Amino acid sequence: QVQLVESGGAFVQTGGSLRLSCAVSGGTFSSYGMGWFRQAPGKEREFVASISKSDKRYYAGSVKGRFTISRDNTKNTVYLQMNNSKPEDTAVYYCAADMEGWSSVHAAQYAFWGQGTQVTVSS
C-alpha cells in the first residue's frame, strides 16, 4: 500500500509564500516520479509541477519562476515551494506518485494520489 499525505496548505496573502509537503509511505519512494496537481472550484484538475526519480523537473507555465518542486529521498517527502503567490493559485493541491519514475504532466500517469491540501490566496 502506497499512501500520500499532503500538508502545509493555508491562507496566504497575494505575494506571500508557503511550502507544501507530501509524505509518502509504502513502496520505494526513491523510484517514484512525483507530481503536484491542483483543482480550483469549477475547474478541471491541472498540472502544477513534477519531478522524476532522477530529479528531472517540469512546471506549468503559470507557475514557472514562482514555484519550486523538490524531493528528499531520506524523508520520503516531496515539496512544493510556492513564492509570489497569486489569487489564481487558490485550489486544492494534490500530490501524486508515478511508479515508473517519470515526471509526467499528465494526471493519468500517476497511480497514487493524496487527499489534497487547501491553499487560498487572498486578493
N, C-alpha and C. Protein backbone atom coordinates (compact mmCIF):
# COMPACT_ATOMS: atom_id res chain seq x y z
N GLN A 1 0.83 -1.18 0.00
CA GLN A 1 0.00 0.00 0.00
C GLN A 1 0.88 1.24 0.00
N VAL A 2 0.65 2.09 -0.97
CA VAL A 2 1.34 3.36 -1.07
C VAL A 2 0.36 4.45 -0.66
N GLN A 3 0.75 5.24 0.31
CA GLN A 3 -0.10 6.32 0.79
C GLN A 3 0.64 7.64 0.73
N LEU A 4 -0.09 8.68 0.36
CA LEU A 4 0.46 10.01 0.26
C LEU A 4 -0.38 10.95 1.11
N VAL A 5 0.28 11.77 1.90
CA VAL A 5 -0.41 12.71 2.77
C VAL A 5 0.18 14.10 2.57
N GLU A 6 -0.65 15.01 2.07
CA GLU A 6 -0.23 16.39 1.86
C GLU A 6 -0.42 17.19 3.14
N SER A 7 0.39 18.22 3.27
CA SER A 7 0.24 19.14 4.38
C SER A 7 0.83 20.49 3.97
N GLY A 8 0.54 21.50 4.75
CA GLY A 8 1.11 22.81 4.52
C GLY A 8 0.19 23.82 3.88
N GLY A 9 -0.98 23.38 3.43
CA GLY A 9 -1.92 24.32 2.84
C GLY A 9 -2.40 25.32 3.87
N ALA A 10 -2.64 26.55 3.40
CA ALA A 10 -3.02 27.62 4.32
C ALA A 10 -3.61 28.78 3.56
N PHE A 11 -4.07 29.76 4.34
CA PHE A 11 -4.47 31.04 3.77
C PHE A 11 -3.23 31.92 3.69
N VAL A 12 -3.05 32.57 2.56
CA VAL A 12 -1.90 33.43 2.37
C VAL A 12 -2.31 34.63 1.53
N GLN A 13 -1.69 35.75 1.78
CA GLN A 13 -1.97 36.94 1.00
C GLN A 13 -1.24 36.91 -0.33
N THR A 14 -1.78 37.63 -1.28
CA THR A 14 -1.12 37.75 -2.57
C THR A 14 0.33 38.18 -2.38
N GLY A 15 1.22 37.48 -3.05
CA GLY A 15 2.64 37.75 -2.94
C GLY A 15 3.33 36.95 -1.86
N GLY A 16 2.57 36.28 -1.04
CA GLY A 16 3.15 35.51 0.05
C GLY A 16 3.67 34.17 -0.41
N SER A 17 4.30 33.48 0.53
CA SER A 17 4.92 32.20 0.26
C SER A 17 4.44 31.14 1.22
N LEU A 18 4.45 29.92 0.78
CA LEU A 18 4.21 28.78 1.63
C LEU A 18 4.84 27.55 1.02
N ARG A 19 4.96 26.52 1.82
CA ARG A 19 5.62 25.31 1.40
C ARG A 19 4.71 24.12 1.68
N LEU A 20 4.35 23.42 0.63
CA LEU A 20 3.56 22.22 0.76
C LEU A 20 4.46 21.00 0.86
N SER A 21 4.03 20.03 1.62
CA SER A 21 4.77 18.78 1.77
C SER A 21 3.87 17.61 1.45
N CYS A 22 4.47 16.57 0.95
CA CYS A 22 3.75 15.33 0.69
C CYS A 22 4.60 14.19 1.18
N ALA A 23 4.15 13.55 2.23
CA ALA A 23 4.85 12.42 2.81
C ALA A 23 4.33 11.12 2.22
N VAL A 24 5.24 10.28 1.79
CA VAL A 24 4.89 9.04 1.12
C VAL A 24 5.32 7.86 1.97
N SER A 25 4.41 6.93 2.17
CA SER A 25 4.72 5.70 2.89
C SER A 25 4.38 4.51 2.01
N GLY A 26 5.12 3.44 2.20
CA GLY A 26 4.92 2.26 1.38
C GLY A 26 5.70 2.34 0.09
N GLY A 27 6.06 1.20 -0.43
CA GLY A 27 6.81 1.16 -1.67
C GLY A 27 8.21 1.73 -1.52
N THR A 28 8.78 2.09 -2.65
CA THR A 28 10.13 2.64 -2.68
C THR A 28 10.06 4.05 -3.23
N PHE A 29 10.05 5.02 -2.36
CA PHE A 29 9.84 6.41 -2.76
C PHE A 29 10.87 6.87 -3.78
N SER A 30 12.12 6.48 -3.59
CA SER A 30 13.19 6.97 -4.46
C SER A 30 13.01 6.53 -5.91
N SER A 31 12.20 5.53 -6.16
CA SER A 31 11.96 5.06 -7.52
C SER A 31 10.75 5.72 -8.18
N TYR A 32 10.03 6.56 -7.45
CA TYR A 32 8.82 7.17 -7.96
C TYR A 32 9.08 8.53 -8.59
N GLY A 33 8.34 8.81 -9.65
CA GLY A 33 8.20 10.19 -10.07
C GLY A 33 7.08 10.80 -9.24
N MET A 34 7.20 12.07 -8.94
CA MET A 34 6.21 12.74 -8.11
C MET A 34 5.68 13.98 -8.81
N GLY A 35 4.41 14.21 -8.64
CA GLY A 35 3.78 15.36 -9.25
C GLY A 35 2.88 16.11 -8.29
N TRP A 36 2.70 17.38 -8.57
CA TRP A 36 1.72 18.21 -7.88
C TRP A 36 0.69 18.67 -8.90
N PHE A 37 -0.56 18.51 -8.53
CA PHE A 37 -1.69 18.97 -9.32
C PHE A 37 -2.59 19.82 -8.44
N ARG A 38 -3.44 20.59 -9.06
CA ARG A 38 -4.37 21.39 -8.27
C ARG A 38 -5.71 21.46 -8.98
N GLN A 39 -6.73 21.71 -8.18
CA GLN A 39 -8.07 21.84 -8.72
C GLN A 39 -8.77 22.99 -8.01
N ALA A 40 -9.12 23.98 -8.79
CA ALA A 40 -9.84 25.14 -8.28
C ALA A 40 -11.34 24.91 -8.43
N PRO A 41 -12.15 25.61 -7.64
CA PRO A 41 -13.60 25.44 -7.76
C PRO A 41 -14.09 25.70 -9.18
N GLY A 42 -14.88 24.78 -9.69
CA GLY A 42 -15.45 24.92 -11.01
C GLY A 42 -14.49 24.65 -12.15
N LYS A 43 -13.28 24.21 -11.85
CA LYS A 43 -12.30 23.96 -12.89
C LYS A 43 -11.81 22.52 -12.84
N GLU A 44 -11.19 22.11 -13.92
CA GLU A 44 -10.61 20.79 -14.00
C GLU A 44 -9.29 20.73 -13.25
N ARG A 45 -8.93 19.54 -12.86
CA ARG A 45 -7.62 19.33 -12.26
C ARG A 45 -6.53 19.69 -13.26
N GLU A 46 -5.52 20.40 -12.82
CA GLU A 46 -4.46 20.81 -13.72
C GLU A 46 -3.08 20.51 -13.14
N PHE A 47 -2.16 20.30 -14.04
CA PHE A 47 -0.78 20.04 -13.67
C PHE A 47 -0.13 21.29 -13.11
N VAL A 48 0.70 21.10 -12.10
CA VAL A 48 1.44 22.20 -11.50
C VAL A 48 2.94 22.01 -11.66
N ALA A 49 3.46 20.90 -11.18
CA ALA A 49 4.90 20.65 -11.21
C ALA A 49 5.14 19.16 -11.02
N SER A 50 6.30 18.70 -11.47
CA SER A 50 6.64 17.30 -11.31
C SER A 50 8.14 17.14 -11.21
N ILE A 51 8.54 16.02 -10.63
CA ILE A 51 9.96 15.71 -10.50
C ILE A 51 10.12 14.21 -10.65
N SER A 52 11.05 13.80 -11.50
CA SER A 52 11.27 12.40 -11.75
C SER A 52 12.17 11.80 -10.68
N LYS A 53 12.36 10.50 -10.76
CA LYS A 53 13.24 9.84 -9.80
C LYS A 53 14.69 10.30 -9.95
N SER A 54 15.03 10.85 -11.13
CA SER A 54 16.37 11.37 -11.38
C SER A 54 16.42 12.90 -11.32
N ASP A 55 15.39 13.50 -10.75
CA ASP A 55 15.33 14.94 -10.49
C ASP A 55 15.09 15.79 -11.73
N LYS A 56 14.57 15.20 -12.78
CA LYS A 56 14.11 16.00 -13.90
C LYS A 56 12.80 16.66 -13.52
N ARG A 57 12.70 17.96 -13.76
CA ARG A 57 11.55 18.73 -13.29
C ARG A 57 10.82 19.42 -14.43
N TYR A 58 9.52 19.52 -14.25
CA TYR A 58 8.67 20.26 -15.17
C TYR A 58 7.75 21.16 -14.37
N TYR A 59 7.39 22.28 -14.97
CA TYR A 59 6.48 23.22 -14.35
C TYR A 59 5.44 23.69 -15.35
N ALA A 60 4.24 23.90 -14.86
CA ALA A 60 3.25 24.57 -15.68
C ALA A 60 3.69 26.00 -15.93
N GLY A 61 3.36 26.51 -17.10
CA GLY A 61 3.76 27.86 -17.43
C GLY A 61 3.25 28.90 -16.45
N SER A 62 2.10 28.63 -15.84
CA SER A 62 1.50 29.58 -14.92
C SER A 62 2.26 29.70 -13.60
N VAL A 63 3.10 28.72 -13.29
CA VAL A 63 3.83 28.75 -12.02
C VAL A 63 5.33 28.81 -12.20
N LYS A 64 5.81 28.67 -13.41
CA LYS A 64 7.25 28.68 -13.66
C LYS A 64 7.86 29.99 -13.18
N GLY A 65 8.95 29.87 -12.45
CA GLY A 65 9.61 31.03 -11.90
C GLY A 65 9.11 31.42 -10.53
N ARG A 66 7.98 30.85 -10.11
CA ARG A 66 7.41 31.16 -8.81
C ARG A 66 7.42 29.95 -7.87
N PHE A 67 7.18 28.77 -8.43
CA PHE A 67 7.12 27.54 -7.64
C PHE A 67 8.37 26.70 -7.87
N THR A 68 8.73 25.95 -6.87
CA THR A 68 9.85 25.02 -6.97
C THR A 68 9.47 23.68 -6.37
N ILE A 69 9.64 22.63 -7.14
CA ILE A 69 9.40 21.29 -6.63
C ILE A 69 10.73 20.66 -6.26
N SER A 70 10.74 19.90 -5.19
CA SER A 70 11.95 19.23 -4.75
C SER A 70 11.56 17.95 -4.02
N ARG A 71 12.54 17.11 -3.80
CA ARG A 71 12.28 15.87 -3.08
C ARG A 71 13.44 15.56 -2.15
N ASP A 72 13.12 14.87 -1.09
CA ASP A 72 14.11 14.42 -0.13
C ASP A 72 13.89 12.93 0.06
N ASN A 73 14.73 12.14 -0.57
CA ASN A 73 14.54 10.69 -0.53
C ASN A 73 14.84 10.10 0.85
N THR A 74 15.58 10.82 1.67
CA THR A 74 15.84 10.33 3.02
C THR A 74 14.62 10.49 3.91
N LYS A 75 13.69 11.34 3.51
CA LYS A 75 12.48 11.58 4.29
C LYS A 75 11.22 11.11 3.57
N ASN A 76 11.38 10.54 2.39
CA ASN A 76 10.23 10.09 1.60
C ASN A 76 9.21 11.20 1.42
N THR A 77 9.70 12.37 1.07
CA THR A 77 8.85 13.55 1.01
C THR A 77 9.15 14.37 -0.23
N VAL A 78 8.10 14.87 -0.85
CA VAL A 78 8.23 15.81 -1.95
C VAL A 78 7.63 17.14 -1.49
N TYR A 79 8.22 18.24 -1.94
CA TYR A 79 7.82 19.56 -1.52
C TYR A 79 7.41 20.42 -2.71
N LEU A 80 6.58 21.38 -2.44
CA LEU A 80 6.27 22.41 -3.41
C LEU A 80 6.41 23.76 -2.72
N GLN A 81 7.46 24.48 -3.06
CA GLN A 81 7.66 25.81 -2.53
C GLN A 81 6.93 26.80 -3.42
N MET A 82 6.01 27.53 -2.84
CA MET A 82 5.20 28.48 -3.57
C MET A 82 5.60 29.89 -3.15
N ASN A 83 6.14 30.64 -4.09
CA ASN A 83 6.53 32.02 -3.85
C ASN A 83 5.73 32.95 -4.74
N ASN A 84 5.64 34.19 -4.31
CA ASN A 84 4.90 35.19 -5.08
C ASN A 84 3.53 34.67 -5.49
N SER A 85 2.80 34.18 -4.53
CA SER A 85 1.51 33.56 -4.81
C SER A 85 0.51 34.57 -5.36
N LYS A 86 -0.44 34.04 -6.13
CA LYS A 86 -1.46 34.84 -6.77
C LYS A 86 -2.83 34.26 -6.45
N PRO A 87 -3.88 35.07 -6.54
CA PRO A 87 -5.23 34.55 -6.27
C PRO A 87 -5.58 33.34 -7.14
N GLU A 88 -5.09 33.31 -8.35
CA GLU A 88 -5.38 32.18 -9.23
C GLU A 88 -4.69 30.89 -8.81
N ASP A 89 -3.81 30.97 -7.81
CA ASP A 89 -3.22 29.77 -7.24
C ASP A 89 -4.15 29.08 -6.24
N THR A 90 -5.24 29.73 -5.90
CA THR A 90 -6.19 29.15 -4.96
C THR A 90 -6.76 27.85 -5.51
N ALA A 91 -6.61 26.79 -4.74
CA ALA A 91 -7.05 25.47 -5.19
C ALA A 91 -6.76 24.45 -4.10
N VAL A 92 -7.28 23.26 -4.30
CA VAL A 92 -6.84 22.12 -3.53
C VAL A 92 -5.66 21.51 -4.27
N TYR A 93 -4.57 21.33 -3.57
CA TYR A 93 -3.35 20.80 -4.17
C TYR A 93 -3.19 19.33 -3.81
N TYR A 94 -2.92 18.54 -4.82
CA TYR A 94 -2.76 17.10 -4.66
C TYR A 94 -1.36 16.68 -5.08
N CYS A 95 -0.77 15.80 -4.32
CA CYS A 95 0.46 15.17 -4.78
C CYS A 95 0.13 13.78 -5.31
N ALA A 96 0.97 13.30 -6.18
CA ALA A 96 0.73 12.02 -6.83
C ALA A 96 2.06 11.33 -7.11
N ALA A 97 2.02 10.01 -7.15
CA ALA A 97 3.22 9.20 -7.37
C ALA A 97 3.07 8.36 -8.61
N ASP A 98 4.11 8.38 -9.43
CA ASP A 98 4.21 7.55 -10.63
C ASP A 98 5.24 6.47 -10.37
N MET A 99 4.82 5.24 -10.38
CA MET A 99 5.72 4.14 -10.07
C MET A 99 6.78 3.91 -11.14
N GLU A 100 6.57 4.47 -12.32
CA GLU A 100 7.57 4.32 -13.38
C GLU A 100 8.69 5.34 -13.27
N GLY A 101 8.57 6.29 -12.37
CA GLY A 101 9.65 7.22 -12.08
C GLY A 101 9.73 8.43 -12.98
N TRP A 102 8.73 8.67 -13.81
CA TRP A 102 8.73 9.80 -14.72
C TRP A 102 8.31 11.08 -14.03
N SER A 103 8.42 12.17 -14.75
CA SER A 103 7.94 13.47 -14.29
C SER A 103 6.87 13.96 -15.26
N SER A 104 5.84 13.17 -15.40
CA SER A 104 4.81 13.43 -16.39
C SER A 104 3.95 14.63 -16.02
N VAL A 105 3.47 15.33 -17.04
CA VAL A 105 2.50 16.40 -16.86
C VAL A 105 1.08 15.88 -16.91
N HIS A 106 0.91 14.59 -17.17
CA HIS A 106 -0.41 14.00 -17.35
C HIS A 106 -0.85 13.27 -16.10
N ALA A 107 -2.01 13.62 -15.60
CA ALA A 107 -2.51 13.01 -14.38
C ALA A 107 -2.66 11.50 -14.51
N ALA A 108 -2.98 11.03 -15.70
CA ALA A 108 -3.22 9.61 -15.89
C ALA A 108 -1.98 8.76 -15.66
N GLN A 109 -0.81 9.35 -15.69
CA GLN A 109 0.42 8.62 -15.47
C GLN A 109 0.61 8.24 -14.00
N TYR A 110 -0.07 8.92 -13.12
CA TYR A 110 0.15 8.75 -11.69
C TYR A 110 -0.83 7.74 -11.09
N ALA A 111 -0.29 6.77 -10.40
CA ALA A 111 -1.11 5.69 -9.87
C ALA A 111 -1.64 5.96 -8.47
N PHE A 112 -0.95 6.80 -7.71
CA PHE A 112 -1.31 7.03 -6.32
C PHE A 112 -1.46 8.51 -6.05
N TRP A 113 -2.47 8.84 -5.28
CA TRP A 113 -2.82 10.24 -5.02
C TRP A 113 -3.08 10.47 -3.54
N GLY A 114 -2.72 11.66 -3.10
CA GLY A 114 -3.08 12.07 -1.77
C GLY A 114 -4.48 12.65 -1.74
N GLN A 115 -4.93 13.04 -0.57
CA GLN A 115 -6.27 13.57 -0.40
C GLN A 115 -6.37 15.07 -0.61
N GLY A 116 -5.25 15.73 -0.71
CA GLY A 116 -5.24 17.14 -1.02
C GLY A 116 -5.06 18.03 0.19
N THR A 117 -4.55 19.22 -0.06
CA THR A 117 -4.42 20.24 0.96
C THR A 117 -4.85 21.57 0.36
N GLN A 118 -5.59 22.34 1.12
CA GLN A 118 -6.20 23.55 0.59
C GLN A 118 -5.26 24.74 0.68
N VAL A 119 -5.16 25.45 -0.42
CA VAL A 119 -4.40 26.69 -0.49
C VAL A 119 -5.34 27.80 -0.93
N THR A 120 -5.40 28.86 -0.16
CA THR A 120 -6.22 30.00 -0.51
C THR A 120 -5.36 31.25 -0.50
N VAL A 121 -5.33 31.93 -1.63
CA VAL A 121 -4.57 33.16 -1.77
C VAL A 121 -5.56 34.31 -1.85
N SER A 122 -5.53 35.17 -0.88
CA SER A 122 -6.48 36.27 -0.83
C SER A 122 -6.07 37.38 -1.78
N SER A 123 -7.07 38.03 -2.31
CA SER A 123 -6.84 39.14 -3.24
C SER A 123 -7.06 40.48 -2.59
